[in-house]
Amino acid sequence: MKSLREIEEELAKKAEQVLGFKPSSKFKRGSIGILIYVVCGIIVFISLRSAGVF
C-alpha cells in the first residue's frame, strides 16, 4: 500500500501536465489553499442541498 505522500506526488506529476506547474504541499496548506478548500466546500454543500440530500 502506498503512503499518502507517494500518492500526492503521483497526482502532482499528473496535474503538472494539465496546469503547467507542479502543485506543492506548501501551496495547499497555505492561506490560498485553505481558501480554495473553503470555496470548494461551499460549492459542494450548495450542490448537495440542491440535489435534495440535505
PDB file of N, CA and C in Angstrom:
ATOM      1  N   MET A   1       0.846  -1.179   0.000  1.00  0.00           N
ATOM      2  CA  MET A   1       0.000   0.000   0.000  1.00  0.00           C
ATOM      3  C   MET A   1       0.892   1.244   0.000  1.00  0.00           C
ATOM      4  N   LYS A   2       0.552   2.197  -0.845  1.00  0.00           N
ATOM      5  CA  LYS A   2       1.338   3.428  -0.957  1.00  0.00           C
ATOM      6  C   LYS A   2       1.007   4.392   0.173  1.00  0.00           C
ATOM      7  N   SER A   3       2.008   5.171   0.548  1.00  0.00           N
ATOM      8  CA  SER A   3       1.774   6.188   1.569  1.00  0.00           C
ATOM      9  C   SER A   3       1.058   7.387   0.940  1.00  0.00           C
ATOM     10  N   LEU A   4       0.505   8.217   1.776  1.00  0.00           N
ATOM     11  CA  LEU A   4      -0.212   9.397   1.312  1.00  0.00           C
ATOM     12  C   LEU A   4       0.716  10.321   0.528  1.00  0.00           C
ATOM     13  N   ARG A   5       1.946  10.430   0.982  1.00  0.00           N
ATOM     14  CA  ARG A   5       2.926  11.292   0.312  1.00  0.00           C
ATOM     15  C   ARG A   5       3.218  10.802  -1.110  1.00  0.00           C
ATOM     16  N   GLU A   6       3.343   9.470  -1.291  1.00  0.00           N
ATOM     17  CA  GLU A   6       3.604   8.910  -2.616  1.00  0.00           C
ATOM     18  C   GLU A   6       2.431   9.161  -3.561  1.00  0.00           C
ATOM     19  N   ILE A   7       1.225   8.991  -3.051  1.00  0.00           N
ATOM     20  CA  ILE A   7       0.027   9.230  -3.860  1.00  0.00           C
ATOM     21  C   ILE A   7      -0.061  10.704  -4.242  1.00  0.00           C
ATOM     22  N   GLU A   8       0.243  11.579  -3.282  1.00  0.00           N
ATOM     23  CA  GLU A   8       0.203  13.021  -3.533  1.00  0.00           C
ATOM     24  C   GLU A   8       1.220  13.418  -4.609  1.00  0.00           C
ATOM     25  N   GLU A   9       2.424  12.856  -4.539  1.00  0.00           N
ATOM     26  CA  GLU A   9       3.454  13.158  -5.535  1.00  0.00           C
ATOM     27  C   GLU A   9       3.032  12.673  -6.921  1.00  0.00           C
ATOM     28  N   GLU A  10       2.437  11.487  -6.972  1.00  0.00           N
ATOM     29  CA  GLU A  10       1.977  10.933  -8.245  1.00  0.00           C
ATOM     30  C   GLU A  10       0.912  11.827  -8.879  1.00  0.00           C
ATOM     31  N   LEU A  11      -0.040  12.268  -8.065  1.00  0.00           N
ATOM     32  CA  LEU A  11      -1.099  13.146  -8.569  1.00  0.00           C
ATOM     33  C   LEU A  11      -0.549  14.509  -8.989  1.00  0.00           C
ATOM     34  N   ALA A  12       0.450  15.006  -8.242  1.00  0.00           N
ATOM     35  CA  ALA A  12       1.057  16.297  -8.584  1.00  0.00           C
ATOM     36  C   ALA A  12       1.757  16.216  -9.939  1.00  0.00           C
ATOM     37  N   LYS A  13       2.403  15.093 -10.218  1.00  0.00           N
ATOM     38  CA  LYS A  13       3.062  14.919 -11.522  1.00  0.00           C
ATOM     39  C   LYS A  13       2.034  14.916 -12.649  1.00  0.00           C
ATOM     40  N   LYS A  14       0.905  14.250 -12.422  1.00  0.00           N
ATOM     41  CA  LYS A  14      -0.151  14.217 -13.443  1.00  0.00           C
ATOM     42  C   LYS A  14      -0.771  15.599 -13.633  1.00  0.00           C
ATOM     43  N   ALA A  15      -0.970  16.322 -12.529  1.00  0.00           N
ATOM     44  CA  ALA A  15      -1.576  17.652 -12.606  1.00  0.00           C
ATOM     45  C   ALA A  15      -0.640  18.651 -13.271  1.00  0.00           C
ATOM     46  N   GLU A  16       0.672  18.406 -13.181  1.00  0.00           N
ATOM     47  CA  GLU A  16       1.642  19.313 -13.779  1.00  0.00           C
ATOM     48  C   GLU A  16       1.457  19.411 -15.292  1.00  0.00           C
ATOM     49  N   GLN A  17       1.106  18.301 -15.923  1.00  0.00           N
ATOM     50  CA  GLN A  17       0.886  18.303 -17.366  1.00  0.00           C
ATOM     51  C   GLN A  17      -0.290  19.188 -17.751  1.00  0.00           C
ATOM     52  N   VAL A  18      -1.303  19.212 -16.923  1.00  0.00           N
ATOM     53  CA  VAL A  18      -2.510  19.988 -17.224  1.00  0.00           C
ATOM     54  C   VAL A  18      -2.346  21.447 -16.814  1.00  0.00           C
ATOM     55  N   LEU A  19      -1.836  21.663 -15.594  1.00  0.00           N
ATOM     56  CA  LEU A  19      -1.749  23.017 -15.049  1.00  0.00           C
ATOM     57  C   LEU A  19      -0.559  23.813 -15.564  1.00  0.00           C
ATOM     58  N   GLY A  20       0.502  23.112 -15.921  1.00  0.00           N
ATOM     59  CA  GLY A  20       1.712  23.805 -16.359  1.00  0.00           C
ATOM     60  C   GLY A  20       2.677  24.054 -15.220  1.00  0.00           C
ATOM     61  N   PHE A  21       2.296  23.750 -13.979  1.00  0.00           N
ATOM     62  CA  PHE A  21       3.185  23.838 -12.827  1.00  0.00           C
ATOM     63  C   PHE A  21       2.829  22.706 -11.878  1.00  0.00           C
ATOM     64  N   LYS A  22       3.776  22.333 -11.042  1.00  0.00           N
ATOM     65  CA  LYS A  22       3.566  21.229 -10.102  1.00  0.00           C
ATOM     66  C   LYS A  22       3.044  21.772  -8.780  1.00  0.00           C
ATOM     67  N   PRO A  23       1.816  21.422  -8.417  1.00  0.00           N
ATOM     68  CA  PRO A  23       1.289  21.883  -7.134  1.00  0.00           C
ATOM     69  C   PRO A  23       2.088  21.265  -5.987  1.00  0.00           C
ATOM     70  N   SER A  24       2.340  22.031  -4.964  1.00  0.00           N
ATOM     71  CA  SER A  24       3.123  21.541  -3.830  1.00  0.00           C
ATOM     72  C   SER A  24       2.285  21.531  -2.561  1.00  0.00           C
ATOM     73  N   SER A  25       2.778  20.821  -1.569  1.00  0.00           N
ATOM     74  CA  SER A  25       2.078  20.759  -0.284  1.00  0.00           C
ATOM     75  C   SER A  25       2.047  22.116   0.390  1.00  0.00           C
ATOM     76  N   LYS A  26       3.104  22.909   0.205  1.00  0.00           N
ATOM     77  CA  LYS A  26       3.145  24.232   0.826  1.00  0.00           C
ATOM     78  C   LYS A  26       2.009  25.105   0.305  1.00  0.00           C
ATOM     79  N   PHE A  27       1.732  25.010  -0.996  1.00  0.00           N
ATOM     80  CA  PHE A  27       0.647  25.783  -1.599  1.00  0.00           C
ATOM     81  C   PHE A  27      -0.692  25.346  -1.025  1.00  0.00           C
ATOM     82  N   LYS A  28      -0.896  24.033  -0.908  1.00  0.00           N
ATOM     83  CA  LYS A  28      -2.175  23.520  -0.430  1.00  0.00           C
ATOM     84  C   LYS A  28      -2.411  23.832   1.033  1.00  0.00           C
ATOM     85  N   ARG A  29      -1.343  23.905   1.824  1.00  0.00           N
ATOM     86  CA  ARG A  29      -1.504  24.156   3.252  1.00  0.00           C
ATOM     87  C   ARG A  29      -1.387  25.630   3.606  1.00  0.00           C
ATOM     88  N   GLY A  30      -1.116  26.463   2.627  1.00  0.00           N
ATOM     89  CA  GLY A  30      -1.010  27.893   2.857  1.00  0.00           C
ATOM     90  C   GLY A  30      -2.377  28.540   2.887  1.00  0.00           C
ATOM     91  N   SER A  31      -2.394  29.851   3.012  1.00  0.00           N
ATOM     92  CA  SER A  31      -3.670  30.571   3.113  1.00  0.00           C
ATOM     93  C   SER A  31      -4.483  30.464   1.829  1.00  0.00           C
ATOM     94  N   ILE A  32      -3.819  30.434   0.679  1.00  0.00           N
ATOM     95  CA  ILE A  32      -4.547  30.299  -0.583  1.00  0.00           C
ATOM     96  C   ILE A  32      -5.190  28.919  -0.680  1.00  0.00           C
ATOM     97  N   GLY A  33      -4.472  27.892  -0.270  1.00  0.00           N
ATOM     98  CA  GLY A  33      -5.011  26.533  -0.296  1.00  0.00           C
ATOM     99  C   GLY A  33      -6.211  26.376   0.608  1.00  0.00           C
ATOM    100  N   ILE A  34      -6.134  26.962   1.790  1.00  0.00           N
ATOM    101  CA  ILE A  34      -7.259  26.888   2.728  1.00  0.00           C
ATOM    102  C   ILE A  34      -8.469  27.608   2.152  1.00  0.00           C
ATOM    103  N   LEU A  35      -8.242  28.747   1.516  1.00  0.00           N
ATOM    104  CA  LEU A  35      -9.341  29.481   0.887  1.00  0.00           C
ATOM    105  C   LEU A  35      -9.984  28.650  -0.224  1.00  0.00           C
ATOM    106  N   ILE A  36      -9.168  27.971  -1.016  1.00  0.00           N
ATOM    107  CA  ILE A  36      -9.692  27.118  -2.092  1.00  0.00           C
ATOM    108  C   ILE A  36     -10.533  25.987  -1.505  1.00  0.00           C
ATOM    109  N   TYR A  37     -10.048  25.345  -0.413  1.00  0.00           N
ATOM    110  CA  TYR A  37     -10.810  24.277   0.219  1.00  0.00           C
ATOM    111  C   TYR A  37     -12.155  24.784   0.734  1.00  0.00           C
ATOM    112  N   VAL A  38     -12.182  25.973   1.315  1.00  0.00           N
ATOM    113  CA  VAL A  38     -13.429  26.536   1.837  1.00  0.00           C
ATOM    114  C   VAL A  38     -14.415  26.805   0.703  1.00  0.00           C
ATOM    115  N   VAL A  39     -13.930  27.402  -0.381  1.00  0.00           N
ATOM    116  CA  VAL A  39     -14.801  27.692  -1.528  1.00  0.00           C
ATOM    117  C   VAL A  39     -15.348  26.399  -2.114  1.00  0.00           C
ATOM    118  N   CYS A  40     -14.492  25.383  -2.257  1.00  0.00           N
ATOM    119  CA  CYS A  40     -14.956  24.093  -2.787  1.00  0.00           C
ATOM    120  C   CYS A  40     -15.978  23.454  -1.859  1.00  0.00           C
ATOM    121  N   GLY A  41     -15.765  23.573  -0.552  1.00  0.00           N
ATOM    122  CA  GLY A  41     -16.712  23.030   0.409  1.00  0.00           C
ATOM    123  C   GLY A  41     -18.070  23.696   0.306  1.00  0.00           C
ATOM    124  N   ILE A  42     -18.075  24.997   0.110  1.00  0.00           N
ATOM    125  CA  ILE A  42     -19.338  25.728  -0.049  1.00  0.00           C
ATOM    126  C   ILE A  42     -20.051  25.284  -1.321  1.00  0.00           C
ATOM    127  N   ILE A  43     -19.295  25.110  -2.401  1.00  0.00           N
ATOM    128  CA  ILE A  43     -19.894  24.666  -3.662  1.00  0.00           C
ATOM    129  C   ILE A  43     -20.489  23.267  -3.505  1.00  0.00           C
ATOM    130  N   VAL A  44     -19.777  22.380  -2.823  1.00  0.00           N
ATOM    131  CA  VAL A  44     -20.288  21.019  -2.597  1.00  0.00           C
ATOM    132  C   VAL A  44     -21.552  21.063  -1.758  1.00  0.00           C
ATOM    133  N   PHE A  45     -21.555  21.869  -0.710  1.00  0.00           N
ATOM    134  CA  PHE A  45     -22.738  21.967   0.152  1.00  0.00           C
ATOM    135  C   PHE A  45     -23.942  22.466  -0.638  1.00  0.00           C
ATOM    136  N   ILE A  46     -23.742  23.492  -1.462  1.00  0.00           N
ATOM    137  CA  ILE A  46     -24.844  24.026  -2.272  1.00  0.00           C
ATOM    138  C   ILE A  46     -25.337  22.977  -3.257  1.00  0.00           C
ATOM    139  N   SER A  47     -24.403  22.246  -3.871  1.00  0.00           N
ATOM    140  CA  SER A  47     -24.791  21.204  -4.826  1.00  0.00           C
ATOM    141  C   SER A  47     -25.583  20.095  -4.162  1.00  0.00           C
ATOM    142  N   LEU A  48     -25.133  19.651  -2.984  1.00  0.00           N
ATOM    143  CA  LEU A  48     -25.852  18.598  -2.285  1.00  0.00           C
ATOM    144  C   LEU A  48     -27.220  19.078  -1.806  1.00  0.00           C
ATOM    145  N   ARG A  49     -27.286  20.329  -1.397  1.00  0.00           N
ATOM    146  CA  ARG A  49     -28.563  20.877  -0.941  1.00  0.00           C
ATOM    147  C   ARG A  49     -29.570  20.963  -2.097  1.00  0.00           C
ATOM    148  N   SER A  50     -29.080  21.393  -3.251  1.00  0.00           N
ATOM    149  CA  SER A  50     -29.991  21.499  -4.400  1.00  0.00           C
ATOM    150  C   SER A  50     -30.392  20.123  -4.937  1.00  0.00           C
ATOM    151  N   ALA A  51     -29.575  19.109  -4.657  1.00  0.00           N
ATOM    152  CA  ALA A  51     -29.903  17.753  -5.082  1.00  0.00           C
ATOM    153  C   ALA A  51     -30.872  17.085  -4.101  1.00  0.00           C
ATOM    154  N   GLY A  52     -31.130  17.718  -2.980  1.00  0.00           N
ATOM    155  CA  GLY A  52     -32.080  17.192  -2.016  1.00  0.00           C
ATOM    156  C   GLY A  52     -31.470  16.285  -0.969  1.00  0.00           C
ATOM    157  N   VAL A  53     -30.149  16.243  -0.880  1.00  0.00           N
ATOM    158  CA  VAL A  53     -29.506  15.400   0.117  1.00  0.00           C
ATOM    159  C   VAL A  53     -29.668  15.997   1.508  1.00  0.00           C
ATOM    160  N   PHE A  54     -29.567  17.315   1.630  1.00  0.00           N
ATOM    161  CA  PHE A  54     -29.733  17.984   2.926  1.00  0.00           C
ATOM    162  C   PHE A  54     -31.038  18.718   2.979  1.00  0.00           C
TER     163      PHE A  54
END
